[in-house]
Amino acid sequence: MTKIDPYLHAALLLQGAGKEITKDSLLSVLKAAGADANEAKASVLVEAVKGVNFEELLKAAVAPVAAAPAAAPAGEHKKEEKKEDPAKQEAAAAEGLASLFG
C-alpha cells in the first residue's frame, strides 16, 4: 500500500473539521498524532493548498471508486467481465491526490 504523507492527512483533517490550514495548526495535528513535525514542510504544504477546493478534489478522487456498475435487465445474461479491484482504484485515487502535494 502506498504511504500517504502525514502532512497531507493533517491538512485533510483540518479541512474536514472546518479549521484553517496554517503552519501552526498542521504542526499541532502532527505532534498530537506522534509524527515528526518539520516547520519547513508544514510551510510548503500551507502554500501549496492555498486556494485548493478540497471538496471538489475529493469528489473527483472518490467518484471512480464509488461508481457502481449498472444492473443488466432481467433475462439478459452477460459474460462476466473482469473488474478492477476497488482497493486498487482507491489506491490510485489516493496516489493522484498525494501527487498534488509532491
N, C-alpha and C. Protein backbone atom coordinates (compact mmCIF):
# COMPACT_ATOMS: atom_id res chain seq x y z
N MET A 1 0.84 -1.18 0.00
CA MET A 1 0.00 0.00 0.00
C MET A 1 0.89 1.24 0.00
N THR A 2 0.46 2.23 -0.71
CA THR A 2 1.20 3.47 -0.81
C THR A 2 1.07 4.26 0.48
N LYS A 3 2.21 4.74 0.97
CA LYS A 3 2.19 5.55 2.18
C LYS A 3 1.81 6.98 1.80
N ILE A 4 0.87 7.53 2.51
CA ILE A 4 0.43 8.90 2.26
C ILE A 4 1.07 9.80 3.32
N ASP A 5 1.57 10.90 2.84
CA ASP A 5 2.28 11.85 3.69
C ASP A 5 1.42 12.29 4.88
N PRO A 6 1.96 12.27 6.10
CA PRO A 6 1.18 12.69 7.27
C PRO A 6 0.79 14.16 7.23
N TYR A 7 1.55 14.98 6.52
CA TYR A 7 1.19 16.39 6.39
C TYR A 7 -0.09 16.54 5.59
N LEU A 8 -0.25 15.71 4.57
CA LEU A 8 -1.47 15.71 3.78
C LEU A 8 -2.66 15.25 4.62
N HIS A 9 -2.45 14.21 5.41
CA HIS A 9 -3.51 13.75 6.32
C HIS A 9 -3.92 14.87 7.28
N ALA A 10 -2.94 15.55 7.83
CA ALA A 10 -3.24 16.64 8.77
C ALA A 10 -4.03 17.74 8.08
N ALA A 11 -3.66 18.07 6.84
CA ALA A 11 -4.38 19.11 6.10
C ALA A 11 -5.82 18.68 5.84
N LEU A 12 -6.02 17.42 5.47
CA LEU A 12 -7.38 16.92 5.23
C LEU A 12 -8.21 16.90 6.51
N LEU A 13 -7.58 16.55 7.61
CA LEU A 13 -8.27 16.54 8.90
C LEU A 13 -8.71 17.96 9.27
N LEU A 14 -7.82 18.90 9.12
CA LEU A 14 -8.17 20.29 9.42
C LEU A 14 -9.29 20.79 8.52
N GLN A 15 -9.20 20.48 7.24
CA GLN A 15 -10.23 20.89 6.29
C GLN A 15 -11.58 20.27 6.68
N GLY A 16 -11.58 18.99 7.00
CA GLY A 16 -12.81 18.30 7.38
C GLY A 16 -13.41 18.84 8.66
N ALA A 17 -12.57 19.35 9.55
CA ALA A 17 -13.05 19.91 10.81
C ALA A 17 -13.45 21.37 10.66
N GLY A 18 -13.28 21.92 9.46
CA GLY A 18 -13.65 23.31 9.22
C GLY A 18 -12.65 24.30 9.80
N LYS A 19 -11.44 23.84 10.02
CA LYS A 19 -10.39 24.70 10.59
C LYS A 19 -9.48 25.22 9.48
N GLU A 20 -8.87 26.36 9.72
CA GLU A 20 -7.94 26.94 8.76
C GLU A 20 -6.65 26.12 8.75
N ILE A 21 -6.12 25.92 7.55
CA ILE A 21 -4.87 25.18 7.42
C ILE A 21 -3.72 26.17 7.49
N THR A 22 -3.07 26.18 8.65
CA THR A 22 -1.92 27.06 8.88
C THR A 22 -0.74 26.20 9.29
N LYS A 23 0.43 26.79 9.27
CA LYS A 23 1.63 26.06 9.70
C LYS A 23 1.46 25.57 11.13
N ASP A 24 0.97 26.44 12.01
CA ASP A 24 0.82 26.07 13.42
C ASP A 24 -0.22 24.97 13.61
N SER A 25 -1.33 25.06 12.86
CA SER A 25 -2.37 24.04 13.02
C SER A 25 -1.88 22.69 12.49
N LEU A 26 -1.14 22.70 11.37
CA LEU A 26 -0.58 21.45 10.85
C LEU A 26 0.38 20.83 11.86
N LEU A 27 1.27 21.66 12.40
CA LEU A 27 2.25 21.16 13.36
C LEU A 27 1.57 20.60 14.60
N SER A 28 0.50 21.24 15.05
CA SER A 28 -0.24 20.76 16.23
C SER A 28 -0.85 19.39 15.98
N VAL A 29 -1.45 19.21 14.81
CA VAL A 29 -2.07 17.92 14.48
C VAL A 29 -1.00 16.84 14.38
N LEU A 30 0.10 17.15 13.72
CA LEU A 30 1.18 16.17 13.57
C LEU A 30 1.76 15.76 14.93
N LYS A 31 2.00 16.75 15.78
CA LYS A 31 2.55 16.45 17.11
C LYS A 31 1.57 15.63 17.93
N ALA A 32 0.28 15.95 17.84
CA ALA A 32 -0.73 15.20 18.58
C ALA A 32 -0.81 13.75 18.11
N ALA A 33 -0.50 13.52 16.83
CA ALA A 33 -0.51 12.17 16.28
C ALA A 33 0.79 11.43 16.54
N GLY A 34 1.76 12.12 17.11
CA GLY A 34 3.04 11.48 17.40
C GLY A 34 3.98 11.43 16.22
N ALA A 35 3.69 12.21 15.17
CA ALA A 35 4.55 12.24 13.99
C ALA A 35 5.61 13.32 14.15
N ASP A 36 6.71 13.13 13.43
CA ASP A 36 7.74 14.17 13.42
C ASP A 36 7.17 15.37 12.68
N ALA A 37 7.34 16.55 13.25
CA ALA A 37 6.80 17.77 12.64
C ALA A 37 7.95 18.67 12.21
N ASN A 38 7.97 18.99 10.94
CA ASN A 38 9.00 19.83 10.36
C ASN A 38 8.35 21.13 9.91
N GLU A 39 8.81 22.25 10.47
CA GLU A 39 8.19 23.55 10.16
C GLU A 39 8.30 23.91 8.68
N ALA A 40 9.41 23.59 8.07
CA ALA A 40 9.60 23.92 6.65
C ALA A 40 8.60 23.16 5.79
N LYS A 41 8.44 21.86 6.05
CA LYS A 41 7.47 21.06 5.28
C LYS A 41 6.05 21.58 5.49
N ALA A 42 5.75 21.96 6.72
CA ALA A 42 4.41 22.48 7.01
C ALA A 42 4.17 23.78 6.24
N SER A 43 5.16 24.63 6.20
CA SER A 43 5.03 25.90 5.47
C SER A 43 4.82 25.67 3.98
N VAL A 44 5.56 24.72 3.42
CA VAL A 44 5.44 24.42 2.00
C VAL A 44 4.03 23.89 1.70
N LEU A 45 3.52 23.01 2.53
CA LEU A 45 2.18 22.47 2.29
C LEU A 45 1.12 23.54 2.42
N VAL A 46 1.25 24.42 3.39
CA VAL A 46 0.27 25.51 3.56
C VAL A 46 0.21 26.34 2.29
N GLU A 47 1.36 26.66 1.71
CA GLU A 47 1.39 27.44 0.48
C GLU A 47 0.81 26.65 -0.69
N ALA A 48 1.07 25.35 -0.72
CA ALA A 48 0.60 24.50 -1.82
C ALA A 48 -0.92 24.35 -1.84
N VAL A 49 -1.56 24.38 -0.67
CA VAL A 49 -3.00 24.15 -0.62
C VAL A 49 -3.83 25.43 -0.63
N LYS A 50 -3.16 26.57 -0.68
CA LYS A 50 -3.91 27.83 -0.74
C LYS A 50 -4.76 27.83 -2.01
N GLY A 51 -6.05 28.07 -1.85
CA GLY A 51 -6.95 28.13 -2.99
C GLY A 51 -7.43 26.78 -3.50
N VAL A 52 -6.99 25.68 -2.89
CA VAL A 52 -7.43 24.36 -3.32
C VAL A 52 -8.83 24.10 -2.77
N ASN A 53 -9.73 23.69 -3.65
CA ASN A 53 -11.08 23.33 -3.25
C ASN A 53 -11.08 21.83 -2.91
N PHE A 54 -10.91 21.52 -1.63
CA PHE A 54 -10.79 20.14 -1.20
C PHE A 54 -12.05 19.33 -1.50
N GLU A 55 -13.20 19.93 -1.36
CA GLU A 55 -14.44 19.19 -1.60
C GLU A 55 -14.51 18.69 -3.04
N GLU A 56 -14.20 19.55 -4.00
CA GLU A 56 -14.22 19.15 -5.40
C GLU A 56 -13.12 18.13 -5.69
N LEU A 57 -11.96 18.34 -5.11
CA LEU A 57 -10.84 17.44 -5.30
C LEU A 57 -11.16 16.04 -4.78
N LEU A 58 -11.75 15.97 -3.61
CA LEU A 58 -12.10 14.67 -3.04
C LEU A 58 -13.23 14.00 -3.79
N LYS A 59 -14.20 14.79 -4.26
CA LYS A 59 -15.29 14.21 -5.06
C LYS A 59 -14.72 13.58 -6.32
N ALA A 60 -13.80 14.26 -6.96
CA ALA A 60 -13.19 13.75 -8.19
C ALA A 60 -12.35 12.50 -7.90
N ALA A 61 -11.72 12.45 -6.74
CA ALA A 61 -10.86 11.32 -6.40
C ALA A 61 -11.66 10.08 -6.04
N VAL A 62 -12.81 10.24 -5.40
CA VAL A 62 -13.58 9.07 -4.97
C VAL A 62 -14.69 8.69 -5.93
N ALA A 63 -15.00 9.52 -6.91
CA ALA A 63 -16.08 9.22 -7.85
C ALA A 63 -15.86 7.89 -8.56
N PRO A 64 -14.66 7.61 -9.09
CA PRO A 64 -14.47 6.31 -9.76
C PRO A 64 -14.62 5.13 -8.80
N VAL A 65 -14.26 5.33 -7.55
CA VAL A 65 -14.36 4.25 -6.57
C VAL A 65 -15.81 4.00 -6.20
N ALA A 66 -16.58 5.07 -6.10
CA ALA A 66 -17.97 4.95 -5.66
C ALA A 66 -18.91 4.53 -6.78
N ALA A 67 -18.48 4.66 -8.04
CA ALA A 67 -19.36 4.32 -9.16
C ALA A 67 -19.64 2.82 -9.16
N ALA A 68 -20.91 2.48 -9.20
CA ALA A 68 -21.31 1.07 -9.23
C ALA A 68 -21.75 0.72 -10.64
N PRO A 69 -21.47 -0.49 -11.10
CA PRO A 69 -21.92 -0.89 -12.43
C PRO A 69 -23.44 -1.03 -12.47
N ALA A 70 -24.03 -0.70 -13.60
CA ALA A 70 -25.48 -0.81 -13.76
C ALA A 70 -25.87 -2.28 -13.86
N ALA A 71 -27.02 -2.62 -13.30
CA ALA A 71 -27.51 -3.99 -13.34
C ALA A 71 -28.05 -4.30 -14.74
N ALA A 72 -27.82 -5.52 -15.22
CA ALA A 72 -28.33 -5.93 -16.53
C ALA A 72 -29.83 -6.17 -16.41
N PRO A 73 -30.60 -5.81 -17.44
CA PRO A 73 -32.05 -6.05 -17.42
C PRO A 73 -32.35 -7.54 -17.27
N ALA A 74 -33.49 -7.85 -16.68
CA ALA A 74 -33.89 -9.24 -16.46
C ALA A 74 -33.92 -9.99 -17.78
N GLY A 75 -33.44 -11.21 -17.77
CA GLY A 75 -33.45 -12.04 -18.96
C GLY A 75 -32.18 -11.93 -19.79
N GLU A 76 -31.44 -10.91 -19.61
CA GLU A 76 -30.18 -10.75 -20.35
C GLU A 76 -29.04 -11.26 -19.49
N HIS A 77 -28.27 -12.14 -20.07
CA HIS A 77 -27.11 -12.67 -19.36
C HIS A 77 -25.86 -12.21 -20.09
N LYS A 78 -25.04 -11.49 -19.39
CA LYS A 78 -23.79 -11.02 -19.97
C LYS A 78 -22.65 -11.88 -19.45
N LYS A 79 -21.68 -12.04 -20.30
CA LYS A 79 -20.47 -12.71 -19.86
C LYS A 79 -19.83 -11.83 -18.79
N GLU A 80 -19.49 -12.44 -17.66
CA GLU A 80 -18.91 -11.66 -16.57
C GLU A 80 -17.58 -11.06 -17.01
N GLU A 81 -17.49 -9.74 -16.86
CA GLU A 81 -16.29 -9.04 -17.25
C GLU A 81 -15.32 -8.98 -16.08
N LYS A 82 -14.05 -8.93 -16.42
CA LYS A 82 -13.04 -8.79 -15.38
C LYS A 82 -13.13 -7.38 -14.82
N LYS A 83 -13.31 -7.27 -13.53
CA LYS A 83 -13.47 -5.97 -12.89
C LYS A 83 -12.20 -5.61 -12.13
N GLU A 84 -11.89 -4.30 -12.13
CA GLU A 84 -10.72 -3.84 -11.39
C GLU A 84 -11.03 -3.87 -9.90
N ASP A 85 -10.06 -4.27 -9.13
CA ASP A 85 -10.18 -4.35 -7.69
C ASP A 85 -10.45 -2.97 -7.10
N PRO A 86 -11.53 -2.80 -6.30
CA PRO A 86 -11.82 -1.50 -5.69
C PRO A 86 -10.67 -0.96 -4.84
N ALA A 87 -9.92 -1.84 -4.22
CA ALA A 87 -8.78 -1.40 -3.41
C ALA A 87 -7.72 -0.74 -4.30
N LYS A 88 -7.54 -1.31 -5.52
CA LYS A 88 -6.58 -0.71 -6.45
C LYS A 88 -7.08 0.65 -6.92
N GLN A 89 -8.38 0.77 -7.16
CA GLN A 89 -8.94 2.05 -7.57
C GLN A 89 -8.75 3.09 -6.47
N GLU A 90 -8.99 2.69 -5.23
CA GLU A 90 -8.84 3.62 -4.11
C GLU A 90 -7.39 4.05 -3.96
N ALA A 91 -6.48 3.11 -4.12
CA ALA A 91 -5.06 3.42 -4.02
C ALA A 91 -4.64 4.38 -5.12
N ALA A 92 -5.16 4.16 -6.33
CA ALA A 92 -4.84 5.05 -7.44
C ALA A 92 -5.37 6.46 -7.18
N ALA A 93 -6.57 6.55 -6.63
CA ALA A 93 -7.14 7.86 -6.31
C ALA A 93 -6.31 8.56 -5.24
N ALA A 94 -5.87 7.81 -4.23
CA ALA A 94 -5.06 8.38 -3.17
C ALA A 94 -3.70 8.83 -3.71
N GLU A 95 -3.12 8.04 -4.64
CA GLU A 95 -1.85 8.42 -5.24
C GLU A 95 -1.99 9.71 -6.01
N GLY A 96 -3.08 9.84 -6.75
CA GLY A 96 -3.33 11.06 -7.53
C GLY A 96 -3.44 12.27 -6.61
N LEU A 97 -4.14 12.10 -5.51
CA LEU A 97 -4.30 13.19 -4.56
C LEU A 97 -2.96 13.54 -3.92
N ALA A 98 -2.19 12.53 -3.56
CA ALA A 98 -0.89 12.76 -2.93
C ALA A 98 0.08 13.43 -3.89
N SER A 99 -0.03 13.11 -5.19
CA SER A 99 0.89 13.69 -6.16
C SER A 99 0.70 15.20 -6.29
N LEU A 100 -0.47 15.70 -5.94
CA LEU A 100 -0.70 17.13 -5.99
C LEU A 100 0.18 17.89 -5.01
N PHE A 101 0.57 17.22 -3.94
CA PHE A 101 1.33 17.88 -2.89
C PHE A 101 2.78 17.44 -2.84
N GLY A 102 3.19 16.69 -3.84
CA GLY A 102 4.57 16.27 -4.04
C GLY A 102 5.22 15.75 -2.85
